[in-house]
Protein backbone atom coordinates (compact mmCIF):
# COMPACT_ATOMS: atom_id res chain seq x y z
CA MET A 1 -8.87 198.53 -28.20
CA SER A 2 -5.42 197.02 -27.65
CA ASP A 3 -2.46 197.74 -29.89
CA GLY A 4 -0.83 194.42 -28.93
CA LEU A 5 1.91 196.04 -26.85
CA ASP A 6 2.08 194.88 -23.25
CA VAL A 7 4.22 197.00 -20.99
CA ILE A 8 5.09 195.45 -17.65
CA TYR A 9 6.71 197.39 -14.84
CA ALA A 10 8.16 195.61 -11.81
CA PRO A 11 7.91 197.08 -8.31
CA ALA A 12 10.95 199.11 -7.23
CA GLU A 13 11.59 196.68 -4.36
CA VAL A 14 11.97 193.74 -6.77
CA ARG A 15 14.20 195.72 -9.11
CA ASP A 16 16.38 196.81 -6.17
CA GLN A 17 16.66 193.22 -4.92
CA PHE A 18 17.79 192.16 -8.38
CA LEU A 19 20.49 194.85 -8.53
CA HIS A 20 21.70 194.02 -5.00
CA ALA A 21 21.85 190.30 -5.82
CA LEU A 22 23.91 191.05 -8.93
CA ASP A 23 26.26 193.32 -6.98
CA ALA A 24 26.67 190.71 -4.22
CA GLY A 25 27.34 187.91 -6.71
CA ASP A 26 24.37 185.98 -5.33
CA HIS A 27 23.77 183.79 -8.39
CA ALA A 28 20.86 181.83 -6.92
CA LEU A 29 18.90 184.92 -5.89
CA SER A 30 19.69 186.87 -9.05
CA ARG A 31 18.57 183.90 -11.18
CA HIS A 32 15.35 183.55 -9.15
CA LEU A 33 14.55 187.25 -9.49
CA ALA A 34 15.53 187.31 -13.18
CA ARG A 35 12.92 184.67 -13.97
CA ASN A 36 10.27 187.12 -12.78
CA LEU A 37 11.72 190.14 -14.58
CA THR A 38 12.13 188.84 -18.13
CA HIS A 39 9.30 191.05 -19.44
CA CYS A 40 9.95 194.10 -17.26
CA SER A 41 10.03 197.35 -19.22
CA ASN A 42 11.65 199.54 -16.55
CA PRO A 43 14.89 201.16 -17.77
CA LEU A 44 18.05 199.56 -16.42
CA PRO A 45 20.69 201.68 -14.62
CA GLY A 46 23.77 202.39 -16.73
CA MET A 47 26.36 200.63 -14.56
CA THR A 48 24.41 197.37 -14.55
CA ARG A 49 23.73 197.71 -18.27
CA GLU A 50 27.44 198.13 -18.95
CA SER A 51 28.46 195.22 -16.72
CA LEU A 52 26.14 192.92 -18.67
CA GLY A 53 27.26 194.29 -22.04
CA LEU A 54 23.84 195.60 -22.98
CA PRO A 55 23.13 198.60 -25.22
CA ILE A 56 21.95 202.00 -24.00
CA GLY A 57 18.23 202.01 -23.35
CA SER A 58 18.11 198.39 -22.14
CA THR A 59 15.47 197.31 -19.66
CA TYR A 60 15.43 195.09 -16.60
CA GLY A 61 13.79 192.51 -18.85
CA ALA A 62 16.78 192.56 -21.20
CA ALA A 63 19.13 192.27 -18.22
CA ALA A 64 17.16 189.36 -16.78
CA ARG A 65 17.20 187.49 -20.09
CA ARG A 66 20.94 188.19 -20.52
CA LEU A 67 21.71 186.97 -17.00
CA LEU A 68 19.73 183.76 -17.52
CA GLU A 69 21.51 183.26 -20.85
CA LEU A 70 24.95 183.76 -19.27
CA GLN A 71 24.19 181.45 -16.36
CA SER A 72 22.86 178.82 -18.77
CA GLU A 73 26.10 179.04 -20.78
CA ASP A 74 28.13 178.71 -17.55
CA SER A 75 26.25 175.59 -16.48
CA THR A 76 26.68 174.04 -19.93
CA THR A 77 30.42 174.72 -19.80
CA GLU A 78 30.65 173.18 -16.31
CA LYS A 79 28.89 170.01 -17.50
CA ARG A 80 31.44 169.59 -20.30
CA SER A 81 34.40 169.87 -17.90
């Protein structure tokens, strides 16, 4: 019997690639990886959480959604300029 809660954990390699892409400022790779992490329930490291302005206890999924949101806002701003 399912309680309706789906917990998804991403492989460590994918999570590490995401963190490295963020640290390197590789927007294309971080966006690509974020699309595959939006439902990831793994806990996010504190430094990354802080840099994205997320609350304590945030997940990679929350970080991925935040990154996609920020990049979407950036592209909207660029189009207006």
